[in-house]
Amino acid sequence: MNAPHDFAMKSDDVLRVELEVFRREHRDLDEAISALQERGVSDQLTIKRLKKQKLYLKDRIALIEDRLTPDIIA
């Protein structure tokens, strides 16, 4: 996996593409978790792992958004 400091070496265009990919993966995980919970699948370990991966993606999304958002002092 890429370390957070790798963002400084990437162009804004590359970061925007990664942001969209991470957002799509986050949505897909959300749908997968919902589907497992609705079916009543009792594999809590799988659900827990998917939720952990979803949180990781959320953190990556936040890091990229912070990098892409200019620091404007109001």
PDB file of N, CA and C in Angstrom:
ATOM      1  N   MET A   1       0.837  -1.179   0.000  1.00  0.00           N
ATOM      2  CA  MET A   1       0.000   0.000   0.000  1.00  0.00           C
ATOM      3  C   MET A   1       0.880   1.239   0.000  1.00  0.00           C
ATOM      4  N   ASN A   2       0.344   2.315  -0.536  1.00  0.00           N
ATOM      5  CA  ASN A   2       1.091   3.558  -0.577  1.00  0.00           C
ATOM      6  C   ASN A   2       1.086   4.224   0.784  1.00  0.00           C
ATOM      7  N   ALA A   3       2.239   4.778   1.143  1.00  0.00           N
ATOM      8  CA  ALA A   3       2.335   5.516   2.393  1.00  0.00           C
ATOM      9  C   ALA A   3       1.739   6.908   2.184  1.00  0.00           C
ATOM     10  N   PRO A   4       1.190   7.521   3.246  1.00  0.00           N
ATOM     11  CA  PRO A   4       0.577   8.845   3.097  1.00  0.00           C
ATOM     12  C   PRO A   4       1.523   9.892   2.518  1.00  0.00           C
ATOM     13  N   HIS A   5       2.815   9.786   2.800  1.00  0.00           N
ATOM     14  CA  HIS A   5       3.744  10.783   2.289  1.00  0.00           C
ATOM     15  C   HIS A   5       3.976  10.651   0.787  1.00  0.00           C
ATOM     16  N   ASP A   6       3.498   9.585   0.165  1.00  0.00           N
ATOM     17  CA  ASP A   6       3.624   9.417  -1.281  1.00  0.00           C
ATOM     18  C   ASP A   6       2.767  10.425  -2.039  1.00  0.00           C
ATOM     19  N   PHE A   7       1.778  11.000  -1.374  1.00  0.00           N
ATOM     20  CA  PHE A   7       0.894  11.954  -2.035  1.00  0.00           C
ATOM     21  C   PHE A   7       1.658  13.178  -2.515  1.00  0.00           C
ATOM     22  N   ALA A   8       2.690  13.572  -1.803  1.00  0.00           N
ATOM     23  CA  ALA A   8       3.450  14.760  -2.166  1.00  0.00           C
ATOM     24  C   ALA A   8       4.145  14.580  -3.513  1.00  0.00           C
ATOM     25  N   MET A   9       4.404  13.359  -3.901  1.00  0.00           N
ATOM     26  CA  MET A   9       5.132  13.094  -5.140  1.00  0.00           C
ATOM     27  C   MET A   9       4.190  12.874  -6.326  1.00  0.00           C
ATOM     28  N   LYS A  10       2.896  12.883  -6.101  1.00  0.00           N
ATOM     29  CA  LYS A  10       1.940  12.619  -7.173  1.00  0.00           C
ATOM     30  C   LYS A  10       1.297  13.923  -7.634  1.00  0.00           C
ATOM     31  N   SER A  11       0.977  13.965  -8.913  1.00  0.00           N
ATOM     32  CA  SER A  11       0.312  15.149  -9.447  1.00  0.00           C
ATOM     33  C   SER A  11      -1.147  15.169  -9.005  1.00  0.00           C
ATOM     34  N   ASP A  12      -1.746  16.350  -9.089  1.00  0.00           N
ATOM     35  CA  ASP A  12      -3.154  16.489  -8.698  1.00  0.00           C
ATOM     36  C   ASP A  12      -4.058  15.617  -9.560  1.00  0.00           C
ATOM     37  N   ASP A  13      -3.727  15.480 -10.829  1.00  0.00           N
ATOM     38  CA  ASP A  13      -4.543  14.644 -11.724  1.00  0.00           C
ATOM     39  C   ASP A  13      -4.522  13.179 -11.281  1.00  0.00           C
ATOM     40  N   VAL A  14      -3.357  12.703 -10.922  1.00  0.00           N
ATOM     41  CA  VAL A  14      -3.233  11.314 -10.449  1.00  0.00           C
ATOM     42  C   VAL A  14      -4.011  11.151  -9.148  1.00  0.00           C
ATOM     43  N   LEU A  15      -3.910  12.130  -8.263  1.00  0.00           N
ATOM     44  CA  LEU A  15      -4.634  12.050  -6.991  1.00  0.00           C
ATOM     45  C   LEU A  15      -6.144  12.064  -7.204  1.00  0.00           C
ATOM     46  N   ARG A  16      -6.620  12.838  -8.174  1.00  0.00           N
ATOM     47  CA  ARG A  16      -8.063  12.866  -8.460  1.00  0.00           C
ATOM     48  C   ARG A  16      -8.558  11.502  -8.955  1.00  0.00           C
ATOM     49  N   VAL A  17      -7.756  10.863  -9.788  1.00  0.00           N
ATOM     50  CA  VAL A  17      -8.116   9.528 -10.287  1.00  0.00           C
ATOM     51  C   VAL A  17      -8.139   8.539  -9.122  1.00  0.00           C
ATOM     52  N   GLU A  18      -7.100   8.578  -8.277  1.00  0.00           N
ATOM     53  CA  GLU A  18      -7.068   7.686  -7.116  1.00  0.00           C
ATOM     54  C   GLU A  18      -8.249   7.953  -6.195  1.00  0.00           C
ATOM     55  N   LEU A  19      -8.604   9.224  -6.037  1.00  0.00           N
ATOM     56  CA  LEU A  19      -9.725   9.583  -5.180  1.00  0.00           C
ATOM     57  C   LEU A  19     -11.013   8.931  -5.674  1.00  0.00           C
ATOM     58  N   GLU A  20     -11.250   8.996  -6.970  1.00  0.00           N
ATOM     59  CA  GLU A  20     -12.453   8.380  -7.527  1.00  0.00           C
ATOM     60  C   GLU A  20     -12.435   6.862  -7.370  1.00  0.00           C
ATOM     61  N   VAL A  21     -11.276   6.254  -7.554  1.00  0.00           N
ATOM     62  CA  VAL A  21     -11.158   4.803  -7.386  1.00  0.00           C
ATOM     63  C   VAL A  21     -11.454   4.420  -5.935  1.00  0.00           C
ATOM     64  N   PHE A  22     -10.869   5.155  -4.987  1.00  0.00           N
ATOM     65  CA  PHE A  22     -11.091   4.865  -3.570  1.00  0.00           C
ATOM     66  C   PHE A  22     -12.554   5.081  -3.187  1.00  0.00           C
ATOM     67  N   ARG A  23     -13.175   6.121  -3.726  1.00  0.00           N
ATOM     68  CA  ARG A  23     -14.595   6.366  -3.436  1.00  0.00           C
ATOM     69  C   ARG A  23     -15.462   5.223  -3.960  1.00  0.00           C
ATOM     70  N   ARG A  24     -15.141   4.755  -5.158  1.00  0.00           N
ATOM     71  CA  ARG A  24     -15.901   3.641  -5.739  1.00  0.00           C
ATOM     72  C   ARG A  24     -15.721   2.370  -4.903  1.00  0.00           C
ATOM     73  N   GLU A  25     -14.491   2.091  -4.490  1.00  0.00           N
ATOM     74  CA  GLU A  25     -14.228   0.920  -3.649  1.00  0.00           C
ATOM     75  C   GLU A  25     -14.960   1.043  -2.316  1.00  0.00           C
ATOM     76  N   HIS A  26     -14.998   2.247  -1.763  1.00  0.00           N
ATOM     77  CA  HIS A  26     -15.686   2.487  -0.491  1.00  0.00           C
ATOM     78  C   HIS A  26     -17.180   2.197  -0.638  1.00  0.00           C
ATOM     79  N   ARG A  27     -17.777   2.688  -1.737  1.00  0.00           N
ATOM     80  CA  ARG A  27     -19.202   2.423  -1.991  1.00  0.00           C
ATOM     81  C   ARG A  27     -19.458   0.930  -2.178  1.00  0.00           C
ATOM     82  N   ASP A  28     -18.569   0.264  -2.918  1.00  0.00           N
ATOM     83  CA  ASP A  28     -18.722  -1.169  -3.157  1.00  0.00           C
ATOM     84  C   ASP A  28     -18.662  -1.954  -1.842  1.00  0.00           C
ATOM     85  N   LEU A  29     -17.739  -1.571  -0.971  1.00  0.00           N
ATOM     86  CA  LEU A  29     -17.641  -2.240   0.331  1.00  0.00           C
ATOM     87  C   LEU A  29     -18.893  -2.000   1.155  1.00  0.00           C
ATOM     88  N   ASP A  30     -19.412  -0.789   1.103  1.00  0.00           N
ATOM     89  CA  ASP A  30     -20.636  -0.467   1.834  1.00  0.00           C
ATOM     90  C   ASP A  30     -21.792  -1.340   1.360  1.00  0.00           C
ATOM     91  N   GLU A  31     -21.894  -1.500   0.044  1.00  0.00           N
ATOM     92  CA  GLU A  31     -22.951  -2.345  -0.516  1.00  0.00           C
ATOM     93  C   GLU A  31     -22.749  -3.808  -0.135  1.00  0.00           C
ATOM     94  N   ALA A  32     -21.513  -4.271  -0.150  1.00  0.00           N
ATOM     95  CA  ALA A  32     -21.226  -5.657   0.211  1.00  0.00           C
ATOM     96  C   ALA A  32     -21.562  -5.923   1.678  1.00  0.00           C
ATOM     97  N   ILE A  33     -21.206  -4.988   2.543  1.00  0.00           N
ATOM     98  CA  ILE A  33     -21.513  -5.133   3.973  1.00  0.00           C
ATOM     99  C   ILE A  33     -23.014  -5.164   4.183  1.00  0.00           C
ATOM    100  N   SER A  34     -23.726  -4.257   3.526  1.00  0.00           N
ATOM    101  CA  SER A  34     -25.185  -4.218   3.651  1.00  0.00           C
ATOM    102  C   SER A  34     -25.816  -5.520   3.164  1.00  0.00           C
ATOM    103  N   ALA A  35     -25.317  -6.030   2.045  1.00  0.00           N
ATOM    104  CA  ALA A  35     -25.868  -7.270   1.492  1.00  0.00           C
ATOM    105  C   ALA A  35     -25.638  -8.439   2.445  1.00  0.00           C
ATOM    106  N   LEU A  36     -24.461  -8.518   3.029  1.00  0.00           N
ATOM    107  CA  LEU A  36     -24.174  -9.601   3.977  1.00  0.00           C
ATOM    108  C   LEU A  36     -25.063  -9.495   5.214  1.00  0.00           C
ATOM    109  N   GLN A  37     -25.249  -8.279   5.693  1.00  0.00           N
ATOM    110  CA  GLN A  37     -26.075  -8.092   6.887  1.00  0.00           C
ATOM    111  C   GLN A  37     -27.546  -8.373   6.601  1.00  0.00           C
ATOM    112  N   GLU A  38     -28.023  -7.987   5.422  1.00  0.00           N
ATOM    113  CA  GLU A  38     -29.423  -8.229   5.053  1.00  0.00           C
ATOM    114  C   GLU A  38     -29.718  -9.711   4.877  1.00  0.00           C
ATOM    115  N   ARG A  39     -28.740 -10.449   4.343  1.00  0.00           N
ATOM    116  CA  ARG A  39     -28.939 -11.891   4.145  1.00  0.00           C
ATOM    117  C   ARG A  39     -28.885 -12.649   5.458  1.00  0.00           C
ATOM    118  N   GLY A  40     -28.421 -11.988   6.488  1.00  0.00           N
ATOM    119  CA  GLY A  40     -28.328 -12.644   7.779  1.00  0.00           C
ATOM    120  C   GLY A  40     -27.141 -13.580   7.874  1.00  0.00           C
ATOM    121  N   VAL A  41     -26.165 -13.356   7.027  1.00  0.00           N
ATOM    122  CA  VAL A  41     -24.957 -14.173   7.079  1.00  0.00           C
ATOM    123  C   VAL A  41     -24.268 -13.909   8.413  1.00  0.00           C
ATOM    124  N   SER A  42     -23.951 -14.957   9.113  1.00  0.00           N
ATOM    125  CA  SER A  42     -23.401 -14.800  10.454  1.00  0.00           C
ATOM    126  C   SER A  42     -21.875 -14.768  10.482  1.00  0.00           C
ATOM    127  N   ASP A  43     -21.263 -14.542   9.331  1.00  0.00           N
ATOM    128  CA  ASP A  43     -19.808 -14.477   9.271  1.00  0.00           C
ATOM    129  C   ASP A  43     -19.353 -13.084   9.709  1.00  0.00           C
ATOM    130  N   GLN A  44     -19.345 -12.882  11.004  1.00  0.00           N
ATOM    131  CA  GLN A  44     -19.012 -11.583  11.566  1.00  0.00           C
ATOM    132  C   GLN A  44     -17.559 -11.205  11.306  1.00  0.00           C
ATOM    133  N   LEU A  45     -16.680 -12.179  11.190  1.00  0.00           N
ATOM    134  CA  LEU A  45     -15.280 -11.884  10.919  1.00  0.00           C
ATOM    135  C   LEU A  45     -15.117 -11.234   9.540  1.00  0.00           C
ATOM    136  N   THR A  46     -15.830 -11.754   8.550  1.00  0.00           N
ATOM    137  CA  THR A  46     -15.778 -11.168   7.210  1.00  0.00           C
ATOM    138  C   THR A  46     -16.328  -9.750   7.221  1.00  0.00           C
ATOM    139  N   ILE A  47     -17.438  -9.557   7.896  1.00  0.00           N
ATOM    140  CA  ILE A  47     -18.036  -8.224   7.979  1.00  0.00           C
ATOM    141  C   ILE A  47     -17.086  -7.261   8.689  1.00  0.00           C
ATOM    142  N   LYS A  48     -16.460  -7.726   9.742  1.00  0.00           N
ATOM    143  CA  LYS A  48     -15.518  -6.888  10.475  1.00  0.00           C
ATOM    144  C   LYS A  48     -14.329  -6.502   9.592  1.00  0.00           C
ATOM    145  N   ARG A  49     -13.824  -7.439   8.821  1.00  0.00           N
ATOM    146  CA  ARG A  49     -12.697  -7.154   7.919  1.00  0.00           C
ATOM    147  C   ARG A  49     -13.099  -6.154   6.836  1.00  0.00           C
ATOM    148  N   LEU A  50     -14.293  -6.309   6.292  1.00  0.00           N
ATOM    149  CA  LEU A  50     -14.773  -5.373   5.268  1.00  0.00           C
ATOM    150  C   LEU A  50     -14.935  -3.969   5.852  1.00  0.00           C
ATOM    151  N   LYS A  51     -15.439  -3.884   7.068  1.00  0.00           N
ATOM    152  CA  LYS A  51     -15.599  -2.582   7.716  1.00  0.00           C
ATOM    153  C   LYS A  51     -14.244  -1.931   7.981  1.00  0.00           C
ATOM    154  N   LYS A  52     -13.272  -2.739   8.354  1.00  0.00           N
ATOM    155  CA  LYS A  52     -11.928  -2.213   8.605  1.00  0.00           C
ATOM    156  C   LYS A  52     -11.324  -1.686   7.302  1.00  0.00           C
ATOM    157  N   GLN A  53     -11.514  -2.417   6.226  1.00  0.00           N
ATOM    158  CA  GLN A  53     -11.017  -1.980   4.922  1.00  0.00           C
ATOM    159  C   GLN A  53     -11.725  -0.696   4.485  1.00  0.00           C
ATOM    160  N   LYS A  54     -13.010  -0.621   4.780  1.00  0.00           N
ATOM    161  CA  LYS A  54     -13.788   0.572   4.443  1.00  0.00           C
ATOM    162  C   LYS A  54     -13.267   1.791   5.207  1.00  0.00           C
ATOM    163  N   LEU A  55     -12.932   1.627   6.476  1.00  0.00           N
ATOM    164  CA  LEU A  55     -12.371   2.719   7.263  1.00  0.00           C
ATOM    165  C   LEU A  55     -11.013   3.154   6.723  1.00  0.00           C
ATOM    166  N   TYR A  56     -10.206   2.188   6.309  1.00  0.00           N
ATOM    167  CA  TYR A  56      -8.909   2.505   5.716  1.00  0.00           C
ATOM    168  C   TYR A  56      -9.100   3.373   4.467  1.00  0.00           C
ATOM    169  N   LEU A  57     -10.052   2.980   3.624  1.00  0.00           N
ATOM    170  CA  LEU A  57     -10.321   3.753   2.417  1.00  0.00           C
ATOM    171  C   LEU A  57     -10.821   5.154   2.756  1.00  0.00           C
ATOM    172  N   LYS A  58     -11.644   5.250   3.785  1.00  0.00           N
ATOM    173  CA  LYS A  58     -12.150   6.554   4.213  1.00  0.00           C
ATOM    174  C   LYS A  58     -10.990   7.467   4.620  1.00  0.00           C
ATOM    175  N   ASP A  59     -10.021   6.916   5.324  1.00  0.00           N
ATOM    176  CA  ASP A  59      -8.848   7.693   5.721  1.00  0.00           C
ATOM    177  C   ASP A  59      -8.040   8.130   4.501  1.00  0.00           C
ATOM    178  N   ARG A  60      -7.865   7.232   3.545  1.00  0.00           N
ATOM    179  CA  ARG A  60      -7.131   7.578   2.326  1.00  0.00           C
ATOM    180  C   ARG A  60      -7.847   8.677   1.542  1.00  0.00           C
ATOM    181  N   ILE A  61      -9.178   8.569   1.471  1.00  0.00           N
ATOM    182  CA  ILE A  61      -9.975   9.583   0.782  1.00  0.00           C
ATOM    183  C   ILE A  61      -9.785  10.943   1.453  1.00  0.00           C
ATOM    184  N   ALA A  62      -9.833  10.967   2.779  1.00  0.00           N
ATOM    185  CA  ALA A  62      -9.660  12.221   3.520  1.00  0.00           C
ATOM    186  C   ALA A  62      -8.275  12.820   3.275  1.00  0.00           C
ATOM    187  N   LEU A  63      -7.242  11.983   3.247  1.00  0.00           N
ATOM    188  CA  LEU A  63      -5.884  12.474   2.997  1.00  0.00           C
ATOM    189  C   LEU A  63      -5.761  13.105   1.609  1.00  0.00           C
ATOM    190  N   ILE A  64      -6.337  12.451   0.622  1.00  0.00           N
ATOM    191  CA  ILE A  64      -6.257  12.979  -0.745  1.00  0.00           C
ATOM    192  C   ILE A  64      -7.058  14.270  -0.853  1.00  0.00           C
ATOM    193  N   GLU A  65      -8.256  14.297  -0.261  1.00  0.00           N
ATOM    194  CA  GLU A  65      -9.063  15.512  -0.307  1.00  0.00           C
ATOM    195  C   GLU A  65      -8.341  16.681   0.350  1.00  0.00           C
ATOM    196  N   ASP A  66      -7.669  16.414   1.463  1.00  0.00           N
ATOM    197  CA  ASP A  66      -6.901  17.463   2.131  1.00  0.00           C
ATOM    198  C   ASP A  66      -5.764  17.957   1.247  1.00  0.00           C
ATOM    199  N   ARG A  67      -5.130  17.051   0.551  1.00  0.00           N
ATOM    200  CA  ARG A  67      -4.016  17.411  -0.343  1.00  0.00           C
ATOM    201  C   ARG A  67      -4.504  18.244  -1.518  1.00  0.00           C
ATOM    202  N   LEU A  68      -5.701  17.924  -2.030  1.00  0.00           N
ATOM    203  CA  LEU A  68      -6.233  18.612  -3.198  1.00  0.00           C
ATOM    204  C   LEU A  68      -6.912  19.935  -2.866  1.00  0.00           C
ATOM    205  N   THR A  69      -7.331  20.095  -1.618  1.00  0.00           N
ATOM    206  CA  THR A  69      -8.016  21.318  -1.205  1.00  0.00           C
ATOM    207  C   THR A  69      -6.985  22.373  -0.816  1.00  0.00           C
ATOM    208  N   PRO A  70      -7.034  23.513  -1.486  1.00  0.00           N
ATOM    209  CA  PRO A  70      -6.044  24.549  -1.152  1.00  0.00           C
ATOM    210  C   PRO A  70      -6.301  25.117   0.245  1.00  0.00           C
ATOM    211  N   ASP A  71      -5.209  25.506   0.904  1.00  0.00           N
ATOM    212  CA  ASP A  71      -5.312  26.124   2.221  1.00  0.00           C
ATOM    213  C   ASP A  71      -5.575  27.611   2.038  1.00  0.00           C
ATOM    214  N   ILE A  72      -6.817  27.997   2.243  1.00  0.00           N
ATOM    215  CA  ILE A  72      -7.202  29.393   2.110  1.00  0.00           C
ATOM    216  C   ILE A  72      -7.571  29.929   3.476  1.00  0.00           C
ATOM    217  N   ILE A  73      -6.881  30.947   3.877  1.00  0.00           N
ATOM    218  CA  ILE A  73      -7.182  31.559   5.163  1.00  0.00           C
ATOM    219  C   ILE A  73      -8.237  32.632   4.928  1.00  0.00           C
ATOM    220  N   ALA A  74      -9.357  32.474   5.611  1.00  0.00           N
ATOM    221  CA  ALA A  74     -10.462  33.408   5.420  1.00  0.00           C
ATOM    222  C   ALA A  74     -10.283  34.680   6.206  1.00  0.00           C
TER     223      ALA A  74
END
